[in-house]
Protein backbone atom coordinates (compact mmCIF):
# COMPACT_ATOMS: atom_id res chain seq x y z
CA MET A 1 -38.48 204.48 130.41
CA ASN A 2 -35.74 202.67 132.29
CA ILE A 3 -36.89 199.06 132.59
CA ALA A 4 -35.29 196.17 134.47
CA LEU A 5 -36.02 192.86 132.75
CA ILE A 6 -35.60 189.38 134.21
CA GLY A 7 -35.70 186.28 132.01
CA ALA A 8 -34.51 187.99 128.82
CA THR A 9 -32.88 184.88 127.37
CA GLY A 10 -36.08 182.82 127.50
CA PHE A 11 -38.84 182.33 124.93
CA VAL A 12 -41.08 185.10 126.28
CA GLY A 13 -38.39 187.31 127.78
CA SER A 14 -36.40 187.59 124.56
CA ALA A 15 -39.55 188.78 122.75
CA VAL A 16 -40.24 191.33 125.50
CA LEU A 17 -36.65 192.56 125.24
CA ASN A 18 -36.99 193.05 121.48
CA GLU A 19 -40.26 194.94 121.89
CA LEU A 20 -38.88 197.22 124.60
CA LEU A 21 -35.78 198.11 122.61
CA GLN A 22 -37.74 198.64 119.39
CA ARG A 23 -39.88 201.20 121.22
CA GLY A 24 -36.84 203.08 122.47
CA HIS A 25 -36.87 202.09 126.13
CA ARG A 26 -33.63 201.63 128.04
CA VAL A 27 -33.42 198.10 129.35
CA THR A 28 -31.27 196.62 132.09
CA VAL A 29 -31.25 192.84 131.85
CA LEU A 30 -30.46 190.73 134.91
CA ALA A 31 -28.69 187.59 133.74
CA ARG A 32 -26.84 184.82 135.50
CA ASN A 33 -24.71 184.47 132.35
CA PRO A 34 -24.37 187.89 130.65
CA ALA A 35 -22.41 186.31 127.76
CA LYS A 36 -25.70 184.91 126.44
CA LEU A 37 -26.82 188.39 125.41
CA THR A 38 -25.54 190.33 122.40
CA ALA A 39 -24.70 194.01 122.82
CA ARG A 40 -27.48 196.29 121.50
CA GLU A 41 -28.24 199.97 121.66
CA GLY A 42 -30.22 200.77 124.80
CA LEU A 43 -29.30 197.49 126.50
CA THR A 44 -27.30 197.10 129.70
CA VAL A 45 -26.61 193.63 131.06
CA VAL A 46 -25.95 193.07 134.77
CA ALA A 47 -24.71 189.82 136.24
CA ALA A 48 -27.28 188.88 138.87
CA ASP A 49 -28.96 185.78 140.26
CA ALA A 50 -32.75 186.16 140.12
CA GLN A 51 -33.04 183.80 143.10
CA ASP A 52 -31.11 186.24 145.32
CA ALA A 53 -33.28 189.13 146.54
CA THR A 54 -30.26 191.22 147.51
CA GLN A 55 -28.76 190.94 144.02
CA VAL A 56 -32.14 191.72 142.46
CA ALA A 57 -32.62 194.80 144.64
CA LYS A 58 -29.19 196.17 143.73
CA ALA A 59 -29.74 195.62 140.01
CA VAL A 60 -33.27 197.05 139.73
CA ALA A 61 -32.84 200.08 142.00
CA GLY A 62 -33.60 203.36 140.23
CA HIS A 63 -35.64 201.83 137.41
CA ASP A 64 -39.16 202.89 136.47
CA ALA A 65 -40.46 199.32 136.41
CA VAL A 66 -39.44 195.69 136.72
CA VAL A 67 -40.68 193.15 134.16
CA SER A 68 -40.29 189.48 135.06
CA ALA A 69 -40.44 186.69 132.50
CA TYR A 70 -38.58 184.44 134.92
CA ASN A 71 -38.64 180.69 134.34
CA PRO A 72 -35.91 178.37 135.62
CA GLY A 73 -36.45 176.12 132.58
CA TRP A 74 -39.08 173.51 131.75
CA THR A 75 -36.50 170.73 131.91
CA VAL A 76 -35.48 171.55 135.49
CA LEU A 77 -36.61 168.64 137.65
CA ASP A 78 -37.65 170.80 140.60
CA ILE A 79 -39.16 173.57 138.46
CA HIS A 80 -41.98 174.10 140.98
CA ASP A 81 -39.66 174.98 143.85
CA GLN A 82 -37.16 176.83 141.68
CA PHE A 83 -39.89 178.94 140.09
CA LEU A 84 -41.29 179.95 143.47
CA LYS A 85 -37.85 180.63 144.94
CA GLY A 86 -36.99 182.94 142.06
CA THR A 87 -40.37 184.67 142.03
CA ARG A 88 -40.21 185.36 145.76
CA ALA A 89 -36.68 186.78 145.45
CA ILE A 90 -37.71 188.97 142.50
CA ILE A 91 -40.75 190.35 144.33
CA ASP A 92 -38.81 190.93 147.55
CA GLY A 93 -35.90 192.51 145.69
CA THR A 94 -38.20 194.82 143.75
CA LYS A 95 -39.87 195.97 146.95
CA ALA A 96 -36.54 196.44 148.73
CA ALA A 97 -35.33 198.63 145.85
CA GLY A 98 -38.38 200.85 146.13
CA VAL A 99 -39.64 200.15 142.60
CA ARG A 100 -43.43 200.17 142.66
CA ARG A 101 -44.35 199.08 139.12
CA PHE A 102 -43.97 195.33 138.64
CA LEU A 103 -45.17 193.29 135.68
CA MET A 104 -44.97 189.52 135.50
CA VAL A 105 -45.67 186.95 132.81
CA GLY A 106 -47.30 183.89 134.36
CA GLY A 107 -49.01 180.88 132.87
CA ALA A 108 -52.39 180.01 131.40
CA GLY A 109 -52.93 177.23 133.97
CA SER A 110 -54.52 179.55 136.53
CA LEU A 111 -57.21 180.76 134.12
CA PHE A 112 -60.73 179.64 135.02
CA VAL A 113 -62.39 177.27 132.54
CA ALA A 114 -65.53 176.92 134.70
CA PRO A 115 -66.69 178.41 138.01
CA GLY A 116 -64.07 177.41 140.57
CA VAL A 117 -62.13 175.25 138.08
CA GLN A 118 -58.74 176.35 136.80
CA LEU A 119 -57.17 174.96 133.65
CA VAL A 120 -54.27 173.34 135.52
CA ASP A 121 -56.72 171.21 137.53
CA THR A 122 -58.44 169.69 134.50
CA PRO A 123 -57.64 166.06 133.55
CA GLN A 124 -56.40 167.02 130.09
CA PHE A 125 -53.76 169.48 131.31
CA PRO A 126 -50.37 168.22 130.02
CA ALA A 127 -48.34 166.53 132.74
CA GLU A 128 -45.05 167.97 131.46
CA TRP A 129 -46.25 171.53 132.12
CA LYS A 130 -48.12 170.90 135.36
CA GLN A 131 -45.46 171.63 138.00
CA GLY A 132 -44.51 174.91 136.39
CA ALA A 133 -48.17 175.86 136.01
CA LEU A 134 -48.90 175.06 139.66
CA ALA A 135 -45.97 177.26 140.69
CA ALA A 136 -47.19 180.12 138.49
CA ARG A 137 -50.63 179.83 140.13
CA GLU A 138 -49.05 180.05 143.57
CA ALA A 139 -47.08 183.09 142.42
CA LEU A 140 -50.32 184.75 141.28
CA ASN A 141 -51.89 184.03 144.66
CA TRP A 142 -48.87 185.59 146.37
CA ILE A 143 -48.89 188.69 144.25
CA ARG A 144 -52.61 189.23 144.77
CA THR A 145 -51.78 189.91 148.45
CA GLU A 146 -49.29 192.65 147.57
CA ASN A 147 -50.45 196.17 148.35
CA THR A 148 -47.12 197.99 148.09
CA LEU A 149 -46.53 197.08 144.44
CA ASP A 150 -48.42 198.37 141.43
CA TRP A 151 -48.37 194.86 139.97
CA THR A 152 -49.80 193.34 136.82
CA PHE A 153 -49.88 189.62 136.01
CA LEU A 154 -50.21 188.59 132.35
CA SER A 155 -51.43 185.08 131.57
CA PRO A 156 -50.86 183.97 127.97
CA PRO A 157 -53.66 182.16 126.14
CA ILE A 158 -53.77 178.37 126.04
CA LEU A 159 -51.70 178.36 122.84
CA LEU A 160 -48.53 180.47 122.86
CA GLN A 161 -46.31 179.95 119.85
CA PRO A 162 -43.66 181.47 117.60
CA GLY A 163 -44.98 183.75 114.90
CA GLU A 164 -45.14 187.19 113.41
CA ARG A 165 -45.77 190.44 115.26
CA THR A 166 -49.14 191.82 114.15
CA GLY A 167 -49.57 194.33 116.97
CA HIS A 168 -53.18 193.21 117.43
CA TYR A 169 -54.74 191.21 120.26
CA ARG A 170 -57.92 190.78 122.29
CA LEU A 171 -58.07 191.38 126.04
CA GLY A 172 -59.53 189.08 128.69
CA ASP A 173 -59.35 188.72 132.44
CA GLU A 174 -59.87 185.50 134.43
CA ALA A 175 -60.95 183.06 131.70
CA PRO A 176 -59.03 181.86 128.65
CA LEU A 177 -60.00 183.57 125.42
CA MET A 178 -61.37 181.22 122.78
CA ASN A 179 -61.51 181.19 119.00
CA GLY A 180 -64.98 179.76 118.52
CA ASP A 181 -64.85 176.33 120.15
CA GLN A 182 -61.04 176.21 119.87
CA PRO A 183 -58.50 177.58 122.38
CA GLY A 184 -57.28 181.08 121.72
CA SER A 185 -53.69 181.60 120.62
CA ILE A 186 -51.11 184.32 120.21
CA SER A 187 -47.59 184.68 118.89
CA VAL A 188 -44.92 185.35 121.48
CA ALA A 189 -44.16 188.59 119.64
CA ASP A 190 -47.75 189.81 120.14
CA LEU A 191 -47.70 188.70 123.77
CA ALA A 192 -44.70 190.99 124.16
CA VAL A 193 -46.66 193.80 122.49
CA ALA A 194 -49.43 193.37 125.07
CA MET A 195 -46.93 193.43 127.93
CA VAL A 196 -45.20 196.60 126.75
CA ASP A 197 -48.55 198.26 125.97
CA GLU A 198 -49.53 197.60 129.59
CA LEU A 199 -46.23 199.05 130.74
CA GLU A 200 -46.68 202.23 128.72
CA THR A 201 -50.43 202.64 129.33
CA PRO A 202 -51.43 200.81 132.54
CA ARG A 203 -54.92 199.34 132.42
CA HIS A 204 -54.55 196.35 134.74
CA VAL A 205 -52.85 197.65 137.89
CA GLN A 206 -53.15 195.09 140.71
CA LYS A 207 -55.00 192.82 138.28
CA ARG A 208 -54.40 189.75 136.13
CA PHE A 209 -55.27 189.84 132.45
CA THR A 210 -54.94 187.58 129.46
CA VAL A 211 -54.74 188.08 125.70
CA ALA A 212 -55.20 186.27 122.40
CA ASN A 213 -55.22 187.16 118.71
């Protein structure tokens, strides 16, 4: 497939890029700084600002799907506003380009740990991740109202870390997957496997899902 990918220089996005290319897909990466990406077979890099819907629309037009691993950076002081600005531009640009299939990596903070209680609202949720997690929850609420996009929202498990690609994972929906009484985890490489599996064989259209090893 021809896939447009946003956020390819980040922790999750770089793993998704690797997985897409390894499976033989053609990938167009939207990057504010194209020099950050090394030339690879099947990869095209386009200079584009993910916070500009017009630039996004131009770059993603004609692709089979758009995959967003957008994150302005955890050290950005106004990450909440920047995350939402970029997400809105990416969604609007994708719609303007006429691309229906849209997949997005969000956060674990919006997963429900009890009826009506999301992880981000619990007292133990780390303060340094909270603003980004709140923004990702708002983005999920936005995307749930979309009826013109065949969207999928992937929430990682509570523990997302570097590690080997095993190709194996468990599926969940609105609650975090656990490993006994401990939080579930996954390597970023296996998170990418789950994302590309969903792209190739859609099982969660207009749904959120989560995964863990």
